[in-house]
Amino acid sequence: MICELKVEIREIDLKNKPLDFLNKSKTKTVPILIKKNSEVIEESLEIILWALSESSKQNVALTYFPDDKKEDIFEIINENDNEFKYHLDRFKYAARYQDSNEEFHFRKAIIFINRWNELLAENKYFYGDNPTIADWSIWPFVRQFKIACESQKRTNYLKPSIKNWLDSFESNIKFKSLMYKYELWAPNSGKNYFPFN
């Protein structure tokens, strides 16, 4: 969305993945991006970097993926994708995982939340006054954490800095379009596009 690219989007049922998706994806996980030349990109971060490289918007890559912060950005996104999300899933969906201890995974997840809060106590966003792809990559998972805490009647799970940071995305004018719920795709479906409007 920040790259001002329009792409066809297919919302699929993860419990009944379409054959077309299974034939194209090696990992069988979402998201994937299929380029015009049929090349398939399967990692979220690689899709983001592709979008930055394809954008005609002036200075978008320098703004959202600044050279002097690339290493930090890779590190925090990796932390989110490979550590925080592991505990988030087992806290949020404890019943899906055999022998999963909901409280244990909540306490592990909150370590990352509090660490990120410390970063955000120094700046409006993780690495300064403007958001980078780190902020855009991580806030949806912090939002999932918030929703899980609310459903379990937990309180005081977000400290002020990270709460304000999350609020800034949830109140963003693009939030409604970003979170638009598409109908499930089927082989005879018409085309849907992202962004929605």
C-alpha atoms as a PDB file:
ATOM      1  CA  MET A   1       0.000   0.000   0.000  1.00  0.00           C
ATOM      2  CA  ILE A   2       2.784   2.440   0.869  1.00  0.00           C
ATOM      3  CA  CYS A   3       4.415   1.520  -2.455  1.00  0.00           C
ATOM      4  CA  GLU A   4       1.272   2.464  -4.379  1.00  0.00           C
ATOM      5  CA  LEU A   5       1.210  -0.830  -6.287  1.00  0.00           C
ATOM      6  CA  LYS A   6      -1.994  -2.580  -7.289  1.00  0.00           C
ATOM      7  CA  VAL A   7      -1.964  -6.373  -7.322  1.00  0.00           C
ATOM      8  CA  GLU A   8      -4.512  -9.115  -7.820  1.00  0.00           C
ATOM      9  CA  ILE A   9      -5.261 -10.764  -4.469  1.00  0.00           C
ATOM     10  CA  ARG A  10      -6.680 -14.208  -3.734  1.00  0.00           C
ATOM     11  CA  GLU A  11      -8.046 -14.917  -0.256  1.00  0.00           C
ATOM     12  CA  ILE A  12      -7.924 -18.678   0.308  1.00  0.00           C
ATOM     13  CA  ASP A  13      -9.324 -21.093   2.871  1.00  0.00           C
ATOM     14  CA  LEU A  14      -6.273 -22.338   4.785  1.00  0.00           C
ATOM     15  CA  LYS A  15      -8.173 -25.466   5.833  1.00  0.00           C
ATOM     16  CA  ASN A  16      -8.991 -26.282   2.221  1.00  0.00           C
ATOM     17  CA  LYS A  17      -6.174 -24.853   0.136  1.00  0.00           C
ATOM     18  CA  PRO A  18      -6.931 -24.639  -3.594  1.00  0.00           C
ATOM     19  CA  LEU A  19      -5.018 -26.937  -5.932  1.00  0.00           C
ATOM     20  CA  ASP A  20      -3.792 -23.941  -7.916  1.00  0.00           C
ATOM     21  CA  PHE A  21      -2.111 -22.575  -4.773  1.00  0.00           C
ATOM     22  CA  LEU A  22      -0.636 -25.950  -3.776  1.00  0.00           C
ATOM     23  CA  ASN A  23       0.852 -26.417  -7.243  1.00  0.00           C
ATOM     24  CA  LYS A  24       2.584 -23.041  -7.135  1.00  0.00           C
ATOM     25  CA  SER A  25       3.822 -22.930  -3.523  1.00  0.00           C
ATOM     26  CA  LYS A  26       6.702 -25.075  -2.314  1.00  0.00           C
ATOM     27  CA  THR A  27       6.076 -24.243   1.340  1.00  0.00           C
ATOM     28  CA  LYS A  28       2.249 -24.455   1.103  1.00  0.00           C
ATOM     29  CA  THR A  29       2.056 -21.439   3.416  1.00  0.00           C
ATOM     30  CA  VAL A  30       0.776 -17.918   2.877  1.00  0.00           C
ATOM     31  CA  PRO A  31       1.505 -15.347   1.706  1.00  0.00           C
ATOM     32  CA  ILE A  32       2.990 -15.971  -1.712  1.00  0.00           C
ATOM     33  CA  LEU A  33       3.485 -13.547  -4.579  1.00  0.00           C
ATOM     34  CA  ILE A  34       3.381 -14.690  -8.196  1.00  0.00           C
ATOM     35  CA  LYS A  35       5.193 -12.264 -10.469  1.00  0.00           C
ATOM     36  CA  LYS A  36       4.230 -11.585 -14.087  1.00  0.00           C
ATOM     37  CA  ASN A  37       7.036 -13.885 -15.227  1.00  0.00           C
ATOM     38  CA  SER A  38       5.537 -16.682 -13.032  1.00  0.00           C
ATOM     39  CA  GLU A  39       8.360 -16.500 -10.488  1.00  0.00           C
ATOM     40  CA  VAL A  40       7.010 -17.253  -7.008  1.00  0.00           C
ATOM     41  CA  ILE A  41       8.142 -15.358  -3.898  1.00  0.00           C
ATOM     42  CA  GLU A  42       7.227 -17.149  -0.666  1.00  0.00           C
ATOM     43  CA  GLU A  43       8.660 -15.086   2.185  1.00  0.00           C
ATOM     44  CA  SER A  44       6.813 -12.055   3.565  1.00  0.00           C
ATOM     45  CA  LEU A  45       9.979  -9.965   3.843  1.00  0.00           C
ATOM     46  CA  GLU A  46      11.010 -10.807   0.285  1.00  0.00           C
ATOM     47  CA  ILE A  47       7.560  -9.747  -0.930  1.00  0.00           C
ATOM     48  CA  ILE A  48       7.970  -6.426   0.894  1.00  0.00           C
ATOM     49  CA  LEU A  49      11.411  -5.874  -0.636  1.00  0.00           C
ATOM     50  CA  TRP A  50      10.016  -6.728  -4.077  1.00  0.00           C
ATOM     51  CA  ALA A  51       7.261  -4.123  -3.600  1.00  0.00           C
ATOM     52  CA  LEU A  52       9.825  -1.481  -2.610  1.00  0.00           C
ATOM     53  CA  SER A  53      11.908  -2.284  -5.690  1.00  0.00           C
ATOM     54  CA  GLU A  54       8.868  -2.060  -7.987  1.00  0.00           C
ATOM     55  CA  SER A  55       7.449   1.162  -6.594  1.00  0.00           C
ATOM     56  CA  SER A  56       7.604   4.274  -8.728  1.00  0.00           C
ATOM     57  CA  LYS A  57       6.905   6.425  -5.678  1.00  0.00           C
ATOM     58  CA  GLN A  58       9.842   8.752  -5.117  1.00  0.00           C
ATOM     59  CA  ASN A  59      12.224   7.800  -2.291  1.00  0.00           C
ATOM     60  CA  VAL A  60       9.902   5.080  -0.945  1.00  0.00           C
ATOM     61  CA  ALA A  61      12.767   2.612  -0.424  1.00  0.00           C
ATOM     62  CA  LEU A  62      14.972   5.199   1.294  1.00  0.00           C
ATOM     63  CA  THR A  63      12.083   6.227   3.557  1.00  0.00           C
ATOM     64  CA  TYR A  64      10.873   2.800   4.633  1.00  0.00           C
ATOM     65  CA  PHE A  65      14.137   0.851   4.325  1.00  0.00           C
ATOM     66  CA  PRO A  66      16.935   3.358   5.053  1.00  0.00           C
ATOM     67  CA  ASP A  67      20.482   2.165   4.403  1.00  0.00           C
ATOM     68  CA  ASP A  68      21.739   2.968   7.896  1.00  0.00           C
ATOM     69  CA  LYS A  69      18.968   0.910   9.539  1.00  0.00           C
ATOM     70  CA  LYS A  70      18.831  -2.149   7.280  1.00  0.00           C
ATOM     71  CA  GLU A  71      20.646  -4.457   9.689  1.00  0.00           C
ATOM     72  CA  ASP A  72      18.439  -3.381  12.612  1.00  0.00           C
ATOM     73  CA  ILE A  73      15.309  -3.783  10.497  1.00  0.00           C
ATOM     74  CA  PHE A  74      16.252  -7.304   9.406  1.00  0.00           C
ATOM     75  CA  GLU A  75      17.029  -8.225  13.009  1.00  0.00           C
ATOM     76  CA  ILE A  76      13.753  -7.026  14.527  1.00  0.00           C
ATOM     77  CA  ILE A  77      11.624  -8.526  11.730  1.00  0.00           C
ATOM     78  CA  ASN A  78      13.434 -11.834  12.185  1.00  0.00           C
ATOM     79  CA  GLU A  79      12.792 -11.585  15.938  1.00  0.00           C
ATOM     80  CA  ASN A  80       9.092 -11.063  15.275  1.00  0.00           C
ATOM     81  CA  ASP A  81       8.736 -13.762  12.630  1.00  0.00           C
ATOM     82  CA  ASN A  82      10.765 -16.495  14.301  1.00  0.00           C
ATOM     83  CA  GLU A  83      10.391 -15.856  18.034  1.00  0.00           C
ATOM     84  CA  PHE A  84       7.504 -13.569  18.978  1.00  0.00           C
ATOM     85  CA  LYS A  85       5.056 -15.143  16.530  1.00  0.00           C
ATOM     86  CA  TYR A  86       5.927 -18.632  17.836  1.00  0.00           C
ATOM     87  CA  HIS A  87       4.784 -17.673  21.328  1.00  0.00           C
ATOM     88  CA  LEU A  88       1.901 -15.533  20.054  1.00  0.00           C
ATOM     89  CA  ASP A  89       0.386 -18.488  18.189  1.00  0.00           C
ATOM     90  CA  ARG A  90       0.674 -20.770  21.217  1.00  0.00           C
ATOM     91  CA  PHE A  91      -0.765 -18.122  23.518  1.00  0.00           C
ATOM     92  CA  LYS A  92      -3.573 -17.121  21.168  1.00  0.00           C
ATOM     93  CA  TYR A  93      -4.421 -20.632  19.944  1.00  0.00           C
ATOM     94  CA  ALA A  94      -3.313 -22.753  22.890  1.00  0.00           C
ATOM     95  CA  ALA A  95      -5.980 -25.392  22.214  1.00  0.00           C
ATOM     96  CA  ARG A  96      -4.505 -26.077  18.763  1.00  0.00           C
ATOM     97  CA  TYR A  97      -1.120 -27.075  20.148  1.00  0.00           C
ATOM     98  CA  GLN A  98      -0.574 -30.234  22.131  1.00  0.00           C
ATOM     99  CA  ASP A  99       0.786 -29.561  25.630  1.00  0.00           C
ATOM    100  CA  SER A 100       0.823 -25.797  25.000  1.00  0.00           C
ATOM    101  CA  ASN A 101       0.924 -23.749  28.202  1.00  0.00           C
ATOM    102  CA  GLU A 102      -1.011 -20.550  27.538  1.00  0.00           C
ATOM    103  CA  GLU A 103       0.448 -18.631  30.479  1.00  0.00           C
ATOM    104  CA  PHE A 104       4.013 -19.673  29.640  1.00  0.00           C
ATOM    105  CA  HIS A 105       3.700 -18.411  26.071  1.00  0.00           C
ATOM    106  CA  PHE A 106       2.006 -15.199  27.206  1.00  0.00           C
ATOM    107  CA  ARG A 107       4.962 -14.469  29.494  1.00  0.00           C
ATOM    108  CA  LYS A 108       7.423 -15.220  26.690  1.00  0.00           C
ATOM    109  CA  ALA A 109       5.518 -13.009  24.248  1.00  0.00           C
ATOM    110  CA  ILE A 110       5.328 -10.108  26.704  1.00  0.00           C
ATOM    111  CA  ILE A 111       9.139 -10.057  26.879  1.00  0.00           C
ATOM    112  CA  PHE A 112       9.219  -8.956  23.233  1.00  0.00           C
ATOM    113  CA  ILE A 113       6.345  -6.514  23.727  1.00  0.00           C
ATOM    114  CA  ASN A 114       8.203  -4.830  26.583  1.00  0.00           C
ATOM    115  CA  ARG A 115      11.491  -4.797  24.672  1.00  0.00           C
ATOM    116  CA  TRP A 116       9.820  -3.094  21.734  1.00  0.00           C
ATOM    117  CA  ASN A 117       8.151  -0.663  24.125  1.00  0.00           C
ATOM    118  CA  GLU A 118      11.611   0.424  25.276  1.00  0.00           C
ATOM    119  CA  LEU A 119      12.565   1.185  21.661  1.00  0.00           C
ATOM    120  CA  LEU A 120       9.358   3.143  21.198  1.00  0.00           C
ATOM    121  CA  ALA A 121       9.919   5.111  24.396  1.00  0.00           C
ATOM    122  CA  GLU A 122      12.853   6.751  22.597  1.00  0.00           C
ATOM    123  CA  ASN A 123      11.174   7.372  19.227  1.00  0.00           C
ATOM    124  CA  LYS A 124       7.705   7.583  17.735  1.00  0.00           C
ATOM    125  CA  TYR A 125       8.538   4.530  15.628  1.00  0.00           C
ATOM    126  CA  PHE A 126      11.157   1.812  16.039  1.00  0.00           C
ATOM    127  CA  TYR A 127      13.941   3.733  14.328  1.00  0.00           C
ATOM    128  CA  GLY A 128      12.971   7.379  14.365  1.00  0.00           C
ATOM    129  CA  ASP A 129      10.136   9.762  13.617  1.00  0.00           C
ATOM    130  CA  ASN A 130       8.993   7.875  10.517  1.00  0.00           C
ATOM    131  CA  PRO A 131       7.834   4.265  10.185  1.00  0.00           C
ATOM    132  CA  THR A 132       9.988   1.746   8.356  1.00  0.00           C
ATOM    133  CA  ILE A 133       9.077  -1.688   7.029  1.00  0.00           C
ATOM    134  CA  ALA A 134       9.885  -2.958  10.534  1.00  0.00           C
ATOM    135  CA  ASP A 135       6.928  -1.041  11.971  1.00  0.00           C
ATOM    136  CA  TRP A 136       4.625  -2.052   9.120  1.00  0.00           C
ATOM    137  CA  SER A 137       5.694  -5.710   9.431  1.00  0.00           C
ATOM    138  CA  ILE A 138       5.248  -5.995  13.187  1.00  0.00           C
ATOM    139  CA  TRP A 139       2.200  -3.948  14.178  1.00  0.00           C
ATOM    140  CA  PRO A 140      -0.338  -6.522  12.836  1.00  0.00           C
ATOM    141  CA  PHE A 141       1.123  -9.148  15.180  1.00  0.00           C
ATOM    142  CA  VAL A 142       1.090  -6.774  18.145  1.00  0.00           C
ATOM    143  CA  ARG A 143      -2.550  -6.127  17.272  1.00  0.00           C
ATOM    144  CA  GLN A 144      -3.197  -9.890  17.349  1.00  0.00           C
ATOM    145  CA  PHE A 145      -1.542 -10.006  20.761  1.00  0.00           C
ATOM    146  CA  LYS A 146      -3.797  -7.191  21.976  1.00  0.00           C
ATOM    147  CA  ILE A 147      -6.928  -8.938  20.686  1.00  0.00           C
ATOM    148  CA  ALA A 148      -5.899 -12.208  22.350  1.00  0.00           C
ATOM    149  CA  CYS A 149      -5.307 -10.417  25.656  1.00  0.00           C
ATOM    150  CA  GLU A 150      -8.682  -8.695  25.436  1.00  0.00           C
ATOM    151  CA  SER A 151     -10.467 -11.984  24.733  1.00  0.00           C
ATOM    152  CA  GLN A 152      -8.848 -13.456  27.855  1.00  0.00           C
ATOM    153  CA  LYS A 153      -9.765 -10.408  29.959  1.00  0.00           C
ATOM    154  CA  ARG A 154      -6.110  -9.551  30.591  1.00  0.00           C
ATOM    155  CA  THR A 155      -5.192  -5.992  31.551  1.00  0.00           C
ATOM    156  CA  ASN A 156      -2.065  -3.815  31.457  1.00  0.00           C
ATOM    157  CA  TYR A 157      -0.500  -5.895  28.696  1.00  0.00           C
ATOM    158  CA  LEU A 158       0.645  -2.926  26.578  1.00  0.00           C
ATOM    159  CA  LYS A 159       2.764  -0.164  28.068  1.00  0.00           C
ATOM    160  CA  PRO A 160       2.082   3.429  26.937  1.00  0.00           C
ATOM    161  CA  SER A 161       4.708   3.765  24.198  1.00  0.00           C
ATOM    162  CA  ILE A 162       3.824   0.611  22.289  1.00  0.00           C
ATOM    163  CA  LYS A 163       0.122   1.260  22.840  1.00  0.00           C
ATOM    164  CA  ASN A 164       0.425   4.715  21.270  1.00  0.00           C
ATOM    165  CA  TRP A 165       2.450   3.227  18.415  1.00  0.00           C
ATOM    166  CA  LEU A 166      -0.210   0.593  17.723  1.00  0.00           C
ATOM    167  CA  ASP A 167      -2.960   3.210  17.989  1.00  0.00           C
ATOM    168  CA  SER A 168      -1.235   5.250  15.277  1.00  0.00           C
ATOM    169  CA  PHE A 169      -1.625   2.372  12.823  1.00  0.00           C
ATOM    170  CA  GLU A 170      -5.154   1.443  13.857  1.00  0.00           C
ATOM    171  CA  SER A 171      -6.242   5.066  13.380  1.00  0.00           C
ATOM    172  CA  ASN A 172      -4.401   5.399  10.054  1.00  0.00           C
ATOM    173  CA  ILE A 173      -6.630   6.462   7.173  1.00  0.00           C
ATOM    174  CA  LYS A 174      -5.471   3.366   5.249  1.00  0.00           C
ATOM    175  CA  PHE A 175      -6.386   0.935   8.041  1.00  0.00           C
ATOM    176  CA  LYS A 176      -9.898   0.120   6.778  1.00  0.00           C
ATOM    177  CA  SER A 177      -8.662  -0.659   3.280  1.00  0.00           C
ATOM    178  CA  LEU A 178      -5.717  -2.622   4.640  1.00  0.00           C
ATOM    179  CA  MET A 179      -7.937  -4.822   6.817  1.00  0.00           C
ATOM    180  CA  TYR A 180     -10.672  -5.295   4.217  1.00  0.00           C
ATOM    181  CA  LYS A 181     -11.986  -8.871   4.271  1.00  0.00           C
ATOM    182  CA  TYR A 182     -12.084 -10.372   0.802  1.00  0.00           C
ATOM    183  CA  GLU A 183     -14.370 -13.195  -0.249  1.00  0.00           C
ATOM    184  CA  LEU A 184     -12.691 -16.586  -0.584  1.00  0.00           C
ATOM    185  CA  TRP A 185     -11.209 -17.217  -3.997  1.00  0.00           C
ATOM    186  CA  ALA A 186     -12.423 -20.046  -6.228  1.00  0.00           C
ATOM    187  CA  PRO A 187     -11.325 -21.017  -9.771  1.00  0.00           C
ATOM    188  CA  ASN A 188     -14.427 -19.363 -11.221  1.00  0.00           C
ATOM    189  CA  SER A 189     -14.131 -16.218  -9.083  1.00  0.00           C
ATOM    190  CA  GLY A 190     -13.771 -12.764 -10.528  1.00  0.00           C
ATOM    191  CA  LYS A 191     -10.587 -10.827  -9.852  1.00  0.00           C
ATOM    192  CA  ASN A 192     -10.078  -8.880  -6.632  1.00  0.00           C
ATOM    193  CA  TYR A 193      -7.383  -6.290  -6.140  1.00  0.00           C
ATOM    194  CA  PHE A 194      -5.309  -4.905  -3.290  1.00  0.00           C
ATOM    195  CA  PRO A 195      -5.569  -2.198  -2.119  1.00  0.00           C
ATOM    196  CA  PHE A 196      -9.345  -2.463  -2.011  1.00  0.00           C
ATOM    197  CA  ASN A 197      -9.813   1.225  -2.813  1.00  0.00           C
END
